[in-house]
Protein backbone atom coordinates (compact mmCIF):
# COMPACT_ATOMS: atom_id res chain seq x y z
CA UNK A 1 -116.80 -56.80 -65.50
CA UNK A 2 -114.69 -53.70 -64.71
CA UNK A 3 -115.08 -50.43 -64.22
CA UNK A 4 -114.65 -47.78 -67.05
CA UNK A 5 -112.79 -44.51 -67.12
CA UNK A 6 -115.35 -42.03 -67.53
CA UNK A 7 -116.24 -41.30 -71.23
CA UNK A 8 -113.48 -43.58 -72.45
CA UNK A 9 -114.06 -47.10 -72.36
CA UNK A 10 -111.11 -49.31 -73.99
CA UNK A 11 -113.54 -52.41 -74.52
CA UNK A 12 -117.23 -53.24 -74.81
CA UNK A 13 -119.42 -51.18 -72.99
CA UNK A 14 -121.56 -53.48 -70.40
CA UNK A 15 -123.44 -50.87 -68.39
CA UNK A 16 -124.39 -46.83 -68.99
CA UNK A 17 -126.91 -44.48 -67.29
CA UNK A 18 -128.62 -42.87 -69.43
CA UNK A 19 -132.39 -40.85 -69.98
CA UNK A 20 -135.44 -43.16 -68.92
CA UNK A 21 -137.66 -40.85 -71.26
CA UNK A 22 -136.80 -42.20 -74.56
CA UNK A 23 -137.48 -46.25 -74.74
CA UNK A 24 -136.41 -46.58 -78.16
CA UNK A 25 -133.11 -45.53 -77.42
CA UNK A 26 -132.34 -47.62 -74.28
CA UNK A 27 -134.11 -50.55 -75.98
CA UNK A 28 -131.23 -50.67 -79.02
CA UNK A 29 -128.72 -50.44 -76.45
CA UNK A 30 -130.41 -53.57 -74.54
CA UNK A 31 -129.72 -55.47 -78.14
CA UNK A 32 -126.47 -54.68 -78.34
CA UNK A 33 -125.86 -56.50 -74.78
CA UNK A 34 -125.61 -53.16 -72.85
CA UNK A 35 -127.59 -53.02 -69.10
CA UNK A 36 -128.93 -49.67 -68.79
CA UNK A 37 -129.60 -47.75 -65.55
CA UNK A 38 -132.32 -44.99 -66.36
CA UNK A 39 -133.03 -42.00 -64.64
CA UNK A 40 -136.41 -40.78 -63.44
CA UNK A 41 -137.63 -36.90 -64.08
CA UNK A 42 -135.87 -34.53 -61.53
CA UNK A 43 -138.44 -32.27 -60.30
CA UNK A 44 -135.37 -29.23 -59.37
CA UNK A 45 -134.52 -29.52 -63.18
CA UNK A 46 -135.96 -27.44 -65.98
CA UNK A 47 -138.84 -29.53 -67.39
CA UNK A 48 -137.12 -30.29 -71.05
CA UNK A 49 -133.83 -31.52 -69.20
CA UNK A 50 -135.42 -33.27 -66.24
CA UNK A 51 -134.36 -36.78 -67.59
CA UNK A 52 -131.41 -35.91 -68.38
CA UNK A 53 -128.21 -37.98 -67.13
CA UNK A 54 -125.65 -35.02 -67.19
CA UNK A 55 -127.42 -32.82 -65.04
CA UNK A 56 -128.42 -35.08 -62.33
CA UNK A 57 -124.91 -36.56 -61.45
CA UNK A 58 -121.47 -36.65 -62.50
CA UNK A 59 -118.97 -39.81 -63.41
CA UNK A 60 -116.17 -37.81 -62.36
CA UNK A 61 -113.64 -40.46 -61.40
CA UNK A 62 -113.65 -44.16 -62.30
CA UNK A 63 -116.37 -45.95 -60.44
CA UNK A 64 -116.97 -42.28 -58.28
CA UNK A 65 -120.46 -40.81 -59.15
CA UNK A 66 -121.34 -37.51 -57.70
CA UNK A 67 -125.41 -36.74 -57.11
CA UNK A 68 -126.82 -33.76 -56.12
CA UNK A 69 -128.01 -33.01 -52.19
CA UNK A 70 -131.55 -32.68 -52.97
CA UNK A 71 -133.62 -35.24 -51.41
CA UNK A 72 -135.89 -36.20 -54.43
CA UNK A 73 -137.40 -39.61 -56.13
CA UNK A 74 -134.58 -39.17 -59.00
CA UNK A 75 -131.90 -39.14 -56.46
CA UNK A 76 -133.15 -41.89 -55.01
CA UNK A 77 -134.15 -44.07 -58.22
CA UNK A 78 -130.75 -43.10 -59.15
CA UNK A 79 -128.78 -44.24 -56.37
CA UNK A 80 -131.29 -47.33 -55.39
CA UNK A 81 -130.39 -48.97 -59.23
CA UNK A 82 -126.14 -48.45 -58.87
CA UNK A 83 -126.28 -49.99 -55.84
CA UNK A 84 -127.91 -52.65 -57.57
CA UNK A 85 -125.58 -52.93 -60.74
CA UNK A 86 -122.72 -52.44 -57.82
CA UNK A 87 -123.92 -55.83 -56.17
CA UNK A 88 -124.78 -57.74 -59.13
CA UNK A 89 -121.41 -57.01 -61.14
CA UNK A 90 -119.33 -57.45 -57.82
CA UNK A 91 -117.79 -53.83 -58.94
CA UNK A 92 -117.29 -50.90 -56.12
CA UNK A 93 -119.31 -48.05 -57.19
CA UNK A 94 -118.87 -45.30 -54.94
CA UNK A 95 -121.71 -43.10 -54.73
CA UNK A 96 -121.41 -39.74 -53.08
CA UNK A 97 -123.81 -36.92 -52.34
CA UNK A 98 -122.24 -33.52 -53.18
CA UNK A 99 -122.95 -30.35 -51.04
CA UNK A 100 -124.22 -28.70 -54.44
CA UNK A 101 -128.32 -28.35 -54.74
CA UNK A 102 -129.66 -28.43 -58.09
CA UNK A 103 -131.98 -25.62 -58.92
CA UNK A 104 -134.27 -25.07 -62.29
CA UNK A 105 -132.77 -22.41 -64.02
CA UNK A 106 -129.16 -21.84 -65.53
CA UNK A 107 -126.28 -21.66 -64.19
CA UNK A 108 -127.54 -23.70 -61.02
CA UNK A 109 -128.60 -26.62 -63.03
CA UNK A 110 -124.89 -26.98 -64.31
CA UNK A 111 -123.25 -28.05 -61.40
CA UNK A 112 -122.41 -31.95 -62.64
CA UNK A 113 -122.38 -30.86 -66.28
CA UNK A 114 -118.63 -31.11 -66.75
CA UNK A 115 -116.25 -33.67 -69.40
CA UNK A 116 -113.51 -35.78 -67.67
CA UNK A 117 -111.31 -36.90 -70.16
CA UNK A 118 -108.35 -39.23 -68.33
CA UNK A 119 -106.74 -36.33 -66.46
CA UNK A 120 -108.39 -33.34 -67.76
CA UNK A 121 -111.61 -31.97 -66.71
CA UNK A 122 -113.59 -29.25 -69.37
CA UNK A 123 -116.06 -27.12 -67.14
CA UNK A 124 -117.12 -23.62 -65.96
CA UNK A 125 -114.74 -23.58 -62.96
CA UNK A 126 -117.18 -21.38 -61.14
CA UNK A 127 -120.45 -23.15 -61.10
CA UNK A 128 -118.73 -26.65 -60.98
CA UNK A 129 -119.46 -28.88 -57.74
CA UNK A 130 -116.88 -28.57 -55.50
CA UNK A 131 -115.80 -32.22 -54.79
CA UNK A 132 -114.85 -32.56 -58.72
CA UNK A 133 -113.11 -29.47 -58.82
CA UNK A 134 -111.23 -30.64 -56.03
CA UNK A 135 -110.45 -34.27 -57.23
CA UNK A 136 -108.91 -32.31 -60.40
CA UNK A 137 -106.87 -29.76 -58.69
CA UNK A 138 -104.05 -32.53 -57.73
CA UNK A 139 -101.19 -32.59 -59.10
CA UNK A 140 -100.96 -34.43 -62.67
CA UNK A 141 -104.54 -33.21 -63.22
CA UNK A 142 -105.27 -30.17 -65.56
CA UNK A 143 -108.83 -28.28 -65.69
CA UNK A 144 -110.29 -26.74 -68.48
CA UNK A 145 -112.02 -23.78 -68.01
CA UNK A 146 -114.96 -22.44 -70.46
CA UNK A 147 -117.57 -20.04 -69.98
CA UNK A 148 -119.65 -22.73 -71.01
CA UNK A 149 -121.24 -23.93 -68.39
CA UNK A 150 -123.00 -26.77 -70.65
CA UNK A 151 -120.02 -28.57 -70.90
CA UNK A 152 -121.06 -31.96 -71.07
CA UNK A 153 -124.25 -31.47 -73.43
CA UNK A 154 -121.88 -29.32 -75.79
CA UNK A 155 -119.02 -31.91 -76.03
CA UNK A 156 -118.32 -35.32 -78.17
CA UNK A 157 -115.36 -37.30 -76.43
CA UNK A 158 -113.58 -38.85 -78.99
CA UNK A 159 -110.38 -39.77 -77.24
CA UNK A 160 -108.65 -38.46 -74.66
CA UNK A 161 -107.42 -35.34 -76.36
CA UNK A 162 -110.12 -34.89 -79.18
CA UNK A 163 -113.03 -33.70 -79.17
CA UNK A 164 -116.01 -32.28 -81.23
CA UNK A 165 -118.33 -29.13 -80.49
CA UNK A 166 -120.09 -26.47 -81.83
CA UNK A 167 -119.36 -24.22 -78.96
CA UNK A 168 -116.88 -21.37 -79.59
CA UNK A 169 -115.56 -21.04 -75.82
CA UNK A 170 -114.95 -24.66 -75.46
CA UNK A 171 -113.50 -24.63 -79.02
CA UNK A 172 -110.99 -21.65 -78.09
CA UNK A 173 -110.28 -23.30 -74.61
CA UNK A 174 -109.79 -26.98 -75.95
CA UNK A 175 -107.23 -25.36 -78.46
CA UNK A 176 -105.56 -23.51 -76.16
CA UNK A 177 -104.91 -26.44 -74.34
CA UNK A 178 -103.15 -28.32 -77.20
CA UNK A 179 -106.13 -30.67 -78.05
CA UNK A 180 -107.82 -31.62 -81.68
CA UNK A 181 -110.78 -30.37 -81.80
CA UNK A 182 -113.27 -30.06 -84.40
CA UNK A 183 -115.90 -27.26 -84.81
CA UNK A 184 -118.86 -28.14 -86.16
CA UNK A 185 -122.16 -26.05 -87.19
CA UNK A 186 -124.97 -25.35 -83.91
CA UNK A 187 -127.96 -27.07 -84.37
CA UNK A 188 -129.51 -29.81 -86.15
CA UNK A 189 -129.73 -31.72 -83.21
CA UNK A 190 -133.49 -31.91 -81.51
CA UNK A 191 -134.15 -31.22 -77.87
CA UNK A 192 -137.68 -30.93 -77.49
CA UNK A 193 -139.12 -26.80 -76.14
CA UNK A 194 -135.65 -25.67 -76.60
CA UNK A 195 -134.45 -24.42 -80.30
CA UNK A 196 -131.96 -27.12 -80.56
CA UNK A 197 -129.48 -29.61 -78.64
CA UNK A 198 -126.08 -30.35 -78.47
CA UNK A 199 -123.62 -32.90 -79.84
CA UNK A 200 -122.23 -34.29 -76.73
CA UNK A 201 -126.21 -34.77 -75.22
CA UNK A 202 -126.75 -37.42 -78.16
CA UNK A 203 -123.42 -39.24 -78.38
CA UNK A 204 -121.19 -41.91 -76.18
CA UNK A 205 -118.33 -43.99 -76.72
CA UNK A 206 -119.60 -47.66 -76.58
CA UNK A 207 -115.91 -49.00 -77.01
CA UNK A 208 -112.34 -47.39 -77.83
CA UNK A 209 -113.24 -47.09 -81.45
CA UNK A 210 -117.39 -46.73 -81.61
CA UNK A 211 -118.94 -43.63 -81.28
CA UNK A 212 -122.96 -44.29 -80.87
CA UNK A 213 -125.44 -41.48 -81.92
CA UNK A 214 -129.09 -41.57 -80.66
CA UNK A 215 -130.09 -40.89 -84.29
CA UNK A 216 -128.91 -40.52 -88.16
CA UNK A 217 -125.81 -38.37 -88.08
CA UNK A 218 -125.69 -38.63 -91.58
CA UNK A 219 -128.37 -35.39 -91.89
CA UNK A 220 -126.19 -33.49 -90.07
CA UNK A 221 -124.45 -30.94 -92.32
CA UNK A 222 -121.12 -31.91 -91.32
CA UNK A 223 -121.43 -34.94 -91.51
CA UNK A 224 -118.50 -35.82 -93.84
CA UNK A 225 -116.43 -33.67 -91.51
CA UNK A 226 -117.56 -35.69 -88.42
CA UNK A 227 -116.75 -38.99 -90.30
CA UNK A 228 -113.27 -37.91 -91.54
CA UNK A 229 -112.38 -36.80 -87.80
CA UNK A 230 -113.41 -40.25 -86.42
CA UNK A 231 -111.37 -41.75 -88.84
CA UNK A 232 -108.39 -40.16 -88.37
CA UNK A 233 -108.80 -41.16 -84.69
CA UNK A 234 -109.65 -44.47 -85.15
CA UNK A 235 -113.32 -44.50 -84.35
CA UNK A 236 -116.13 -45.83 -86.27
CA UNK A 237 -120.01 -44.48 -86.21
CA UNK A 238 -122.88 -46.43 -84.78
CA UNK A 239 -126.39 -45.06 -84.99
CA UNK A 240 -128.97 -45.94 -81.98
CA UNK A 241 -131.78 -45.32 -84.30
CA UNK A 242 -132.97 -43.81 -88.16
CA UNK A 243 -134.10 -41.02 -86.29
CA UNK A 244 -132.91 -37.00 -86.31
CA UNK A 245 -130.17 -36.95 -83.86
CA UNK A 246 -131.82 -36.32 -80.29
CA UNK A 247 -130.29 -34.88 -77.19
CA UNK A 248 -130.82 -37.03 -74.61
CA UNK A 249 -128.77 -35.64 -72.09
CA UNK A 250 -125.63 -37.82 -72.74
CA UNK A 251 -125.23 -41.70 -72.04
CA UNK A 252 -122.51 -42.28 -69.44
CA UNK A 253 -120.28 -45.57 -69.86
CA UNK A 254 -120.17 -47.24 -66.40
CA UNK A 255 -118.95 -50.95 -66.41
CA UNK A 256 -116.74 -52.68 -69.69
CA UNK A 257 -115.66 -56.61 -70.57
CA UNK A 258 -112.17 -57.16 -68.89
């Protein structure tokens, strides 16, 4: 077992971090032979987002996990579970505490909600944890700044230079940086207590050529466009359930087959 690059596994994923709220999704991942590190509810996040992985932590560099400086059961829970995974697999997972504190209102809940794609970071720079900005301020790295603070929620990563989003600000920022972007219709993804959820929060790469969705992507009005875009990049769709698409706050691949 080896560590994955953030969001971009090359081989079959072996361990992921995902919401502990929806057992039907984590059970399906386990059936695929994937171990799931589940989040606990974070009392400092807005109630509908309390389990969301992409708000509780950031896998911002290979094997580097950043969690908030709030002392809560959620942080304690995730740190303990990741420490066990590190010991069991023999891979070195570096868990760091950020200087950032999570808050229960936007934009104070988004300091970890960024997208890492090889040497690129897509985020709202103003509200992203300083440790992450520092990592991508190094030579050879690129920071793509966007007004949308929910960057990870809003972006489905297809490969190191291709994404899917419904957000206009992200679409423009990625296009400006010569990325291949499919813009889809907003909505049609469930997120309890909100009008709708986002594409990045309901999917994840489980290998180089598989993008898994939490529910039935065929019911999305832009399904044909999505399927075609993915096929153009050699990526196949896997549905983890027949239920409606559900924004669970992203799934983070952590380790993969060698």
